[in-house]
Amino acid sequence: MVSRPKQKMTNKDLFETLKYQEGGNHYSKMKVQPAYFINENKLPFAEGNAIKYICRHPYKGKEEDIKKAIHYLKMILDRDYS
């Protein structure tokens, strides 16, 4: 297997990937998709997931998504402020 060098994803690439969504359409209903916001701001994993779950809770996971967001926020507290 030949390994190819990783190429940095450009804004054009990101916009192309945001034109479709696996497993639903809840993010496409938003004016600014969480993936775009998270990538543009270079947010770490836990922060990105918290934002994702907060944004999608009305459309998909409801109360469970809020609990997931809280879980990631607690991770941030433990990681950065323990």
PDB file of N, CA and C in Angstrom:
ATOM      1  N   MET A   1       0.839  -1.183   0.000  1.00  0.00           N
ATOM      2  CA  MET A   1       0.000   0.000   0.000  1.00  0.00           C
ATOM      3  C   MET A   1       0.887   1.251   0.000  1.00  0.00           C
ATOM      4  N   VAL A   2       0.588   2.174  -0.880  1.00  0.00           N
ATOM      5  CA  VAL A   2       1.360   3.404  -1.003  1.00  0.00           C
ATOM      6  C   VAL A   2       0.716   4.471  -0.129  1.00  0.00           C
ATOM      7  N   SER A   3       1.521   5.091   0.699  1.00  0.00           N
ATOM      8  CA  SER A   3       1.029   6.147   1.575  1.00  0.00           C
ATOM      9  C   SER A   3       1.123   7.482   0.857  1.00  0.00           C
ATOM     10  N   ARG A   4       0.031   8.201   0.843  1.00  0.00           N
ATOM     11  CA  ARG A   4       0.025   9.534   0.226  1.00  0.00           C
ATOM     12  C   ARG A   4       0.184  10.579   1.313  1.00  0.00           C
ATOM     13  N   PRO A   5       0.883  11.664   1.012  1.00  0.00           N
ATOM     14  CA  PRO A   5       0.982  12.732   2.008  1.00  0.00           C
ATOM     15  C   PRO A   5      -0.392  13.360   2.237  1.00  0.00           C
ATOM     16  N   LYS A   6      -0.656  13.673   3.495  1.00  0.00           N
ATOM     17  CA  LYS A   6      -1.933  14.314   3.816  1.00  0.00           C
ATOM     18  C   LYS A   6      -1.952  15.725   3.247  1.00  0.00           C
ATOM     19  N   GLN A   7      -3.088  16.064   2.667  1.00  0.00           N
ATOM     20  CA  GLN A   7      -3.256  17.416   2.175  1.00  0.00           C
ATOM     21  C   GLN A   7      -4.195  18.149   3.116  1.00  0.00           C
ATOM     22  N   LYS A   8      -3.885  19.401   3.363  1.00  0.00           N
ATOM     23  CA  LYS A   8      -4.720  20.212   4.235  1.00  0.00           C
ATOM     24  C   LYS A   8      -6.065  20.452   3.555  1.00  0.00           C
ATOM     25  N   MET A   9      -7.154  20.301   4.331  1.00  0.00           N
ATOM     26  CA  MET A   9      -8.488  20.548   3.802  1.00  0.00           C
ATOM     27  C   MET A   9      -8.669  22.052   3.623  1.00  0.00           C
ATOM     28  N   THR A  10      -9.102  22.445   2.461  1.00  0.00           N
ATOM     29  CA  THR A  10      -9.337  23.861   2.187  1.00  0.00           C
ATOM     30  C   THR A  10     -10.786  24.202   2.505  1.00  0.00           C
ATOM     31  N   ASN A  11     -11.082  25.499   2.546  1.00  0.00           N
ATOM     32  CA  ASN A  11     -12.467  25.923   2.756  1.00  0.00           C
ATOM     33  C   ASN A  11     -13.370  25.375   1.661  1.00  0.00           C
ATOM     34  N   LYS A  12     -12.871  25.320   0.424  1.00  0.00           N
ATOM     35  CA  LYS A  12     -13.668  24.786  -0.678  1.00  0.00           C
ATOM     36  C   LYS A  12     -14.024  23.327  -0.411  1.00  0.00           C
ATOM     37  N   ASP A  13     -13.031  22.533   0.053  1.00  0.00           N
ATOM     38  CA  ASP A  13     -13.280  21.131   0.383  1.00  0.00           C
ATOM     39  C   ASP A  13     -14.315  21.001   1.487  1.00  0.00           C
ATOM     40  N   LEU A  14     -14.181  21.826   2.518  1.00  0.00           N
ATOM     41  CA  LEU A  14     -15.104  21.764   3.639  1.00  0.00           C
ATOM     42  C   LEU A  14     -16.521  22.095   3.185  1.00  0.00           C
ATOM     43  N   PHE A  15     -16.658  23.129   2.364  1.00  0.00           N
ATOM     44  CA  PHE A  15     -17.990  23.476   1.862  1.00  0.00           C
ATOM     45  C   PHE A  15     -18.580  22.334   1.047  1.00  0.00           C
ATOM     46  N   GLU A  16     -17.746  21.651   0.271  1.00  0.00           N
ATOM     47  CA  GLU A  16     -18.224  20.507  -0.516  1.00  0.00           C
ATOM     48  C   GLU A  16     -18.738  19.402   0.400  1.00  0.00           C
ATOM     49  N   THR A  17     -18.010  19.106   1.470  1.00  0.00           N
ATOM     50  CA  THR A  17     -18.427  18.034   2.371  1.00  0.00           C
ATOM     51  C   THR A  17     -19.683  18.403   3.156  1.00  0.00           C
ATOM     52  N   LEU A  18     -19.940  19.680   3.338  1.00  0.00           N
ATOM     53  CA  LEU A  18     -21.133  20.092   4.076  1.00  0.00           C
ATOM     54  C   LEU A  18     -22.396  20.078   3.219  1.00  0.00           C
ATOM     55  N   LYS A  19     -22.266  19.772   1.937  1.00  0.00           N
ATOM     56  CA  LYS A  19     -23.430  19.713   1.058  1.00  0.00           C
ATOM     57  C   LYS A  19     -24.257  18.459   1.277  1.00  0.00           C
ATOM     58  N   TYR A  20     -23.691  17.472   1.961  1.00  0.00           N
ATOM     59  CA  TYR A  20     -24.433  16.249   2.259  1.00  0.00           C
ATOM     60  C   TYR A  20     -24.143  15.847   3.692  1.00  0.00           C
ATOM     61  N   GLN A  21     -24.997  15.005   4.233  1.00  0.00           N
ATOM     62  CA  GLN A  21     -24.828  14.552   5.601  1.00  0.00           C
ATOM     63  C   GLN A  21     -25.210  13.089   5.685  1.00  0.00           C
ATOM     64  N   GLU A  22     -24.380  12.319   6.341  1.00  0.00           N
ATOM     65  CA  GLU A  22     -24.700  10.914   6.593  1.00  0.00           C
ATOM     66  C   GLU A  22     -25.679  10.850   7.758  1.00  0.00           C
ATOM     67  N   GLY A  23     -26.744  10.110   7.609  1.00  0.00           N
ATOM     68  CA  GLY A  23     -27.636   9.839   8.728  1.00  0.00           C
ATOM     69  C   GLY A  23     -28.605  10.944   9.103  1.00  0.00           C
ATOM     70  N   GLY A  24     -29.085  11.695   8.175  1.00  0.00           N
ATOM     71  CA  GLY A  24     -30.096  12.709   8.493  1.00  0.00           C
ATOM     72  C   GLY A  24     -29.850  14.021   7.789  1.00  0.00           C
ATOM     73  N   ASN A  25     -30.603  15.031   8.220  1.00  0.00           N
ATOM     74  CA  ASN A  25     -30.447  16.362   7.629  1.00  0.00           C
ATOM     75  C   ASN A  25     -30.504  17.454   8.699  1.00  0.00           C
ATOM     76  N   HIS A  26     -30.352  17.080   9.956  1.00  0.00           N
ATOM     77  CA  HIS A  26     -30.510  18.049  11.041  1.00  0.00           C
ATOM     78  C   HIS A  26     -29.490  19.185  10.984  1.00  0.00           C
ATOM     79  N   TYR A  27     -28.270  18.945  10.522  1.00  0.00           N
ATOM     80  CA  TYR A  27     -27.288  20.031  10.445  1.00  0.00           C
ATOM     81  C   TYR A  27     -27.542  20.947   9.252  1.00  0.00           C
ATOM     82  N   SER A  28     -28.080  20.413   8.177  1.00  0.00           N
ATOM     83  CA  SER A  28     -28.309  21.232   6.986  1.00  0.00           C
ATOM     84  C   SER A  28     -29.417  22.264   7.208  1.00  0.00           C
ATOM     85  N   LYS A  29     -30.188  22.124   8.277  1.00  0.00           N
ATOM     86  CA  LYS A  29     -31.242  23.097   8.605  1.00  0.00           C
ATOM     87  C   LYS A  29     -30.675  24.361   9.256  1.00  0.00           C
ATOM     88  N   MET A  30     -29.413  24.299   9.656  1.00  0.00           N
ATOM     89  CA  MET A  30     -28.814  25.398  10.409  1.00  0.00           C
ATOM     90  C   MET A  30     -28.154  26.411   9.484  1.00  0.00           C
ATOM     91  N   LYS A  31     -28.203  27.664   9.884  1.00  0.00           N
ATOM     92  CA  LYS A  31     -27.577  28.726   9.093  1.00  0.00           C
ATOM     93  C   LYS A  31     -26.061  28.530   9.030  1.00  0.00           C
ATOM     94  N   VAL A  32     -25.443  28.181  10.148  1.00  0.00           N
ATOM     95  CA  VAL A  32     -24.021  27.857  10.201  1.00  0.00           C
ATOM     96  C   VAL A  32     -23.923  26.455  10.784  1.00  0.00           C
ATOM     97  N   GLN A  33     -23.393  25.531  10.011  1.00  0.00           N
ATOM     98  CA  GLN A  33     -23.286  24.163  10.486  1.00  0.00           C
ATOM     99  C   GLN A  33     -22.179  24.049  11.535  1.00  0.00           C
ATOM    100  N   PRO A  34     -22.417  23.256  12.579  1.00  0.00           N
ATOM    101  CA  PRO A  34     -21.416  23.111  13.625  1.00  0.00           C
ATOM    102  C   PRO A  34     -20.049  22.681  13.091  1.00  0.00           C
ATOM    103  N   ALA A  35     -20.010  21.773  12.131  1.00  0.00           N
ATOM    104  CA  ALA A  35     -18.727  21.309  11.595  1.00  0.00           C
ATOM    105  C   ALA A  35     -17.939  22.467  10.990  1.00  0.00           C
ATOM    106  N   TYR A  36     -18.601  23.358  10.299  1.00  0.00           N
ATOM    107  CA  TYR A  36     -17.922  24.509   9.711  1.00  0.00           C
ATOM    108  C   TYR A  36     -17.363  25.409  10.819  1.00  0.00           C
ATOM    109  N   PHE A  37     -18.208  25.732  11.797  1.00  0.00           N
ATOM    110  CA  PHE A  37     -17.800  26.597  12.907  1.00  0.00           C
ATOM    111  C   PHE A  37     -16.629  25.991  13.670  1.00  0.00           C
ATOM    112  N   ILE A  38     -16.728  24.694  13.989  1.00  0.00           N
ATOM    113  CA  ILE A  38     -15.697  24.005  14.758  1.00  0.00           C
ATOM    114  C   ILE A  38     -14.372  24.000  13.999  1.00  0.00           C
ATOM    115  N   ASN A  39     -14.412  23.679  12.710  1.00  0.00           N
ATOM    116  CA  ASN A  39     -13.189  23.637  11.910  1.00  0.00           C
ATOM    117  C   ASN A  39     -12.576  25.013  11.713  1.00  0.00           C
ATOM    118  N   GLU A  40     -13.397  25.996  11.422  1.00  0.00           N
ATOM    119  CA  GLU A  40     -12.885  27.350  11.194  1.00  0.00           C
ATOM    120  C   GLU A  40     -12.213  27.919  12.439  1.00  0.00           C
ATOM    121  N   ASN A  41     -12.707  27.521  13.605  1.00  0.00           N
ATOM    122  CA  ASN A  41     -12.164  28.039  14.860  1.00  0.00           C
ATOM    123  C   ASN A  41     -11.145  27.100  15.499  1.00  0.00           C
ATOM    124  N   LYS A  42     -10.838  25.988  14.798  1.00  0.00           N
ATOM    125  CA  LYS A  42      -9.835  25.029  15.256  1.00  0.00           C
ATOM    126  C   LYS A  42     -10.069  24.606  16.711  1.00  0.00           C
ATOM    127  N   LEU A  43     -11.309  24.270  17.008  1.00  0.00           N
ATOM    128  CA  LEU A  43     -11.655  23.895  18.375  1.00  0.00           C
ATOM    129  C   LEU A  43     -11.228  22.467  18.687  1.00  0.00           C
ATOM    130  N   PRO A  44     -10.816  22.223  19.932  1.00  0.00           N
ATOM    131  CA  PRO A  44     -10.476  20.865  20.346  1.00  0.00           C
ATOM    132  C   PRO A  44     -11.702  19.945  20.347  1.00  0.00           C
ATOM    133  N   PHE A  45     -11.438  18.645  20.471  1.00  0.00           N
ATOM    134  CA  PHE A  45     -12.467  17.609  20.372  1.00  0.00           C
ATOM    135  C   PHE A  45     -13.641  17.844  21.321  1.00  0.00           C
ATOM    136  N   ALA A  46     -13.387  18.021  22.606  1.00  0.00           N
ATOM    137  CA  ALA A  46     -14.475  18.141  23.581  1.00  0.00           C
ATOM    138  C   ALA A  46     -15.323  19.383  23.320  1.00  0.00           C
ATOM    139  N   GLU A  47     -14.681  20.506  23.018  1.00  0.00           N
ATOM    140  CA  GLU A  47     -15.437  21.728  22.732  1.00  0.00           C
ATOM    141  C   GLU A  47     -16.297  21.549  21.485  1.00  0.00           C
ATOM    142  N   GLY A  48     -15.724  20.942  20.473  1.00  0.00           N
ATOM    143  CA  GLY A  48     -16.473  20.712  19.239  1.00  0.00           C
ATOM    144  C   GLY A  48     -17.673  19.826  19.448  1.00  0.00           C
ATOM    145  N   ASN A  49     -17.507  18.759  20.215  1.00  0.00           N
ATOM    146  CA  ASN A  49     -18.634  17.873  20.463  1.00  0.00           C
ATOM    147  C   ASN A  49     -19.724  18.543  21.284  1.00  0.00           C
ATOM    148  N   ALA A  50     -19.332  19.329  22.284  1.00  0.00           N
ATOM    149  CA  ALA A  50     -20.332  20.047  23.078  1.00  0.00           C
ATOM    150  C   ALA A  50     -21.166  20.959  22.174  1.00  0.00           C
ATOM    151  N   ILE A  51     -20.510  21.688  21.299  1.00  0.00           N
ATOM    152  CA  ILE A  51     -21.219  22.579  20.374  1.00  0.00           C
ATOM    153  C   ILE A  51     -22.140  21.784  19.461  1.00  0.00           C
ATOM    154  N   LYS A  52     -21.641  20.681  18.922  1.00  0.00           N
ATOM    155  CA  LYS A  52     -22.424  19.839  18.020  1.00  0.00           C
ATOM    156  C   LYS A  52     -23.712  19.374  18.698  1.00  0.00           C
ATOM    157  N   TYR A  53     -23.596  18.856  19.920  1.00  0.00           N
ATOM    158  CA  TYR A  53     -24.778  18.337  20.601  1.00  0.00           C
ATOM    159  C   TYR A  53     -25.752  19.449  21.007  1.00  0.00           C
ATOM    160  N   ILE A  54     -25.228  20.596  21.395  1.00  0.00           N
ATOM    161  CA  ILE A  54     -26.103  21.724  21.733  1.00  0.00           C
ATOM    162  C   ILE A  54     -26.887  22.166  20.494  1.00  0.00           C
ATOM    163  N   CYS A  55     -26.212  22.238  19.361  1.00  0.00           N
ATOM    164  CA  CYS A  55     -26.871  22.695  18.131  1.00  0.00           C
ATOM    165  C   CYS A  55     -27.932  21.723  17.631  1.00  0.00           C
ATOM    166  N   ARG A  56     -27.699  20.428  17.765  1.00  0.00           N
ATOM    167  CA  ARG A  56     -28.607  19.476  17.143  1.00  0.00           C
ATOM    168  C   ARG A  56     -29.748  19.007  18.038  1.00  0.00           C
ATOM    169  N   HIS A  57     -29.720  19.325  19.337  1.00  0.00           N
ATOM    170  CA  HIS A  57     -30.713  18.756  20.241  1.00  0.00           C
ATOM    171  C   HIS A  57     -32.170  18.977  19.840  1.00  0.00           C
ATOM    172  N   PRO A  58     -32.538  20.115  19.260  1.00  0.00           N
ATOM    173  CA  PRO A  58     -33.963  20.261  18.895  1.00  0.00           C
ATOM    174  C   PRO A  58     -34.382  19.343  17.741  1.00  0.00           C
ATOM    175  N   TYR A  59     -33.426  18.949  16.919  1.00  0.00           N
ATOM    176  CA  TYR A  59     -33.737  18.200  15.702  1.00  0.00           C
ATOM    177  C   TYR A  59     -33.517  16.702  15.823  1.00  0.00           C
ATOM    178  N   LYS A  60     -32.681  16.275  16.767  1.00  0.00           N
ATOM    179  CA  LYS A  60     -32.326  14.863  16.775  1.00  0.00           C
ATOM    180  C   LYS A  60     -32.449  14.238  18.164  1.00  0.00           C
ATOM    181  N   GLY A  61     -31.488  14.480  19.038  1.00  0.00           N
ATOM    182  CA  GLY A  61     -31.384  13.705  20.273  1.00  0.00           C
ATOM    183  C   GLY A  61     -32.142  14.237  21.470  1.00  0.00           C
ATOM    184  N   LYS A  62     -32.713  15.416  21.335  1.00  0.00           N
ATOM    185  CA  LYS A  62     -33.484  16.038  22.416  1.00  0.00           C
ATOM    186  C   LYS A  62     -32.681  16.058  23.725  1.00  0.00           C
ATOM    187  N   GLU A  63     -33.308  15.591  24.812  1.00  0.00           N
ATOM    188  CA  GLU A  63     -32.697  15.638  26.145  1.00  0.00           C
ATOM    189  C   GLU A  63     -31.360  14.881  26.192  1.00  0.00           C
ATOM    190  N   GLU A  64     -31.269  13.763  25.475  1.00  0.00           N
ATOM    191  CA  GLU A  64     -30.033  12.985  25.466  1.00  0.00           C
ATOM    192  C   GLU A  64     -28.862  13.787  24.904  1.00  0.00           C
ATOM    193  N   ASP A  65     -29.108  14.601  23.881  1.00  0.00           N
ATOM    194  CA  ASP A  65     -28.038  15.429  23.317  1.00  0.00           C
ATOM    195  C   ASP A  65     -27.575  16.494  24.309  1.00  0.00           C
ATOM    196  N   ILE A  66     -28.489  17.041  25.095  1.00  0.00           N
ATOM    197  CA  ILE A  66     -28.095  18.019  26.123  1.00  0.00           C
ATOM    198  C   ILE A  66     -27.230  17.330  27.171  1.00  0.00           C
ATOM    199  N   LYS A  67     -27.599  16.111  27.554  1.00  0.00           N
ATOM    200  CA  LYS A  67     -26.787  15.360  28.518  1.00  0.00           C
ATOM    201  C   LYS A  67     -25.400  15.065  27.947  1.00  0.00           C
ATOM    202  N   LYS A  68     -25.323  14.756  26.662  1.00  0.00           N
ATOM    203  CA  LYS A  68     -24.029  14.517  26.020  1.00  0.00           C
ATOM    204  C   LYS A  68     -23.187  15.795  26.023  1.00  0.00           C
ATOM    205  N   ALA A  69     -23.819  16.928  25.737  1.00  0.00           N
ATOM    206  CA  ALA A  69     -23.095  18.207  25.757  1.00  0.00           C
ATOM    207  C   ALA A  69     -22.545  18.484  27.150  1.00  0.00           C
ATOM    208  N   ILE A  70     -23.360  18.251  28.169  1.00  0.00           N
ATOM    209  CA  ILE A  70     -22.921  18.454  29.552  1.00  0.00           C
ATOM    210  C   ILE A  70     -21.744  17.545  29.870  1.00  0.00           C
ATOM    211  N   HIS A  71     -21.786  16.314  29.392  1.00  0.00           N
ATOM    212  CA  HIS A  71     -20.688  15.369  29.605  1.00  0.00           C
ATOM    213  C   HIS A  71     -19.373  15.923  29.037  1.00  0.00           C
ATOM    214  N   TYR A  72     -19.449  16.459  27.809  1.00  0.00           N
ATOM    215  CA  TYR A  72     -18.235  17.024  27.208  1.00  0.00           C
ATOM    216  C   TYR A  72     -17.788  18.293  27.919  1.00  0.00           C
ATOM    217  N   LEU A  73     -18.721  19.093  28.410  1.00  0.00           N
ATOM    218  CA  LEU A  73     -18.354  20.287  29.170  1.00  0.00           C
ATOM    219  C   LEU A  73     -17.671  19.900  30.480  1.00  0.00           C
ATOM    220  N   LYS A  74     -18.131  18.818  31.108  1.00  0.00           N
ATOM    221  CA  LYS A  74     -17.465  18.328  32.332  1.00  0.00           C
ATOM    222  C   LYS A  74     -16.059  17.846  32.007  1.00  0.00           C
ATOM    223  N   MET A  75     -15.878  17.230  30.842  1.00  0.00           N
ATOM    224  CA  MET A  75     -14.529  16.818  30.425  1.00  0.00           C
ATOM    225  C   MET A  75     -13.605  18.028  30.340  1.00  0.00           C
ATOM    226  N   ILE A  76     -14.123  19.109  29.762  1.00  0.00           N
ATOM    227  CA  ILE A  76     -13.321  20.334  29.645  1.00  0.00           C
ATOM    228  C   ILE A  76     -12.945  20.852  31.022  1.00  0.00           C
ATOM    229  N   LEU A  77     -13.915  20.860  31.956  1.00  0.00           N
ATOM    230  CA  LEU A  77     -13.614  21.304  33.315  1.00  0.00           C
ATOM    231  C   LEU A  77     -12.531  20.458  33.952  1.00  0.00           C
ATOM    232  N   ASP A  78     -12.648  19.139  33.811  1.00  0.00           N
ATOM    233  CA  ASP A  78     -11.645  18.241  34.380  1.00  0.00           C
ATOM    234  C   ASP A  78     -10.281  18.430  33.720  1.00  0.00           C
ATOM    235  N   ARG A  79     -10.288  18.581  32.415  1.00  0.00           N
ATOM    236  CA  ARG A  79      -9.041  18.718  31.652  1.00  0.00           C
ATOM    237  C   ARG A  79      -8.328  20.030  31.957  1.00  0.00           C
ATOM    238  N   ASP A  80      -9.099  21.120  31.989  1.00  0.00           N
ATOM    239  CA  ASP A  80      -8.480  22.452  32.050  1.00  0.00           C
ATOM    240  C   ASP A  80      -8.519  23.127  33.414  1.00  0.00           C
ATOM    241  N   TYR A  81      -9.425  22.691  34.307  1.00  0.00           N
ATOM    242  CA  TYR A  81      -9.636  23.436  35.534  1.00  0.00           C
ATOM    243  C   TYR A  81      -9.656  22.560  36.787  1.00  0.00           C
ATOM    244  N   SER A  82      -9.085  21.373  36.721  1.00  0.00           N
ATOM    245  CA  SER A  82      -9.115  20.500  37.905  1.00  0.00           C
ATOM    246  C   SER A  82      -8.038  20.892  38.901  1.00  0.00           C
TER     247      SER A  82
END
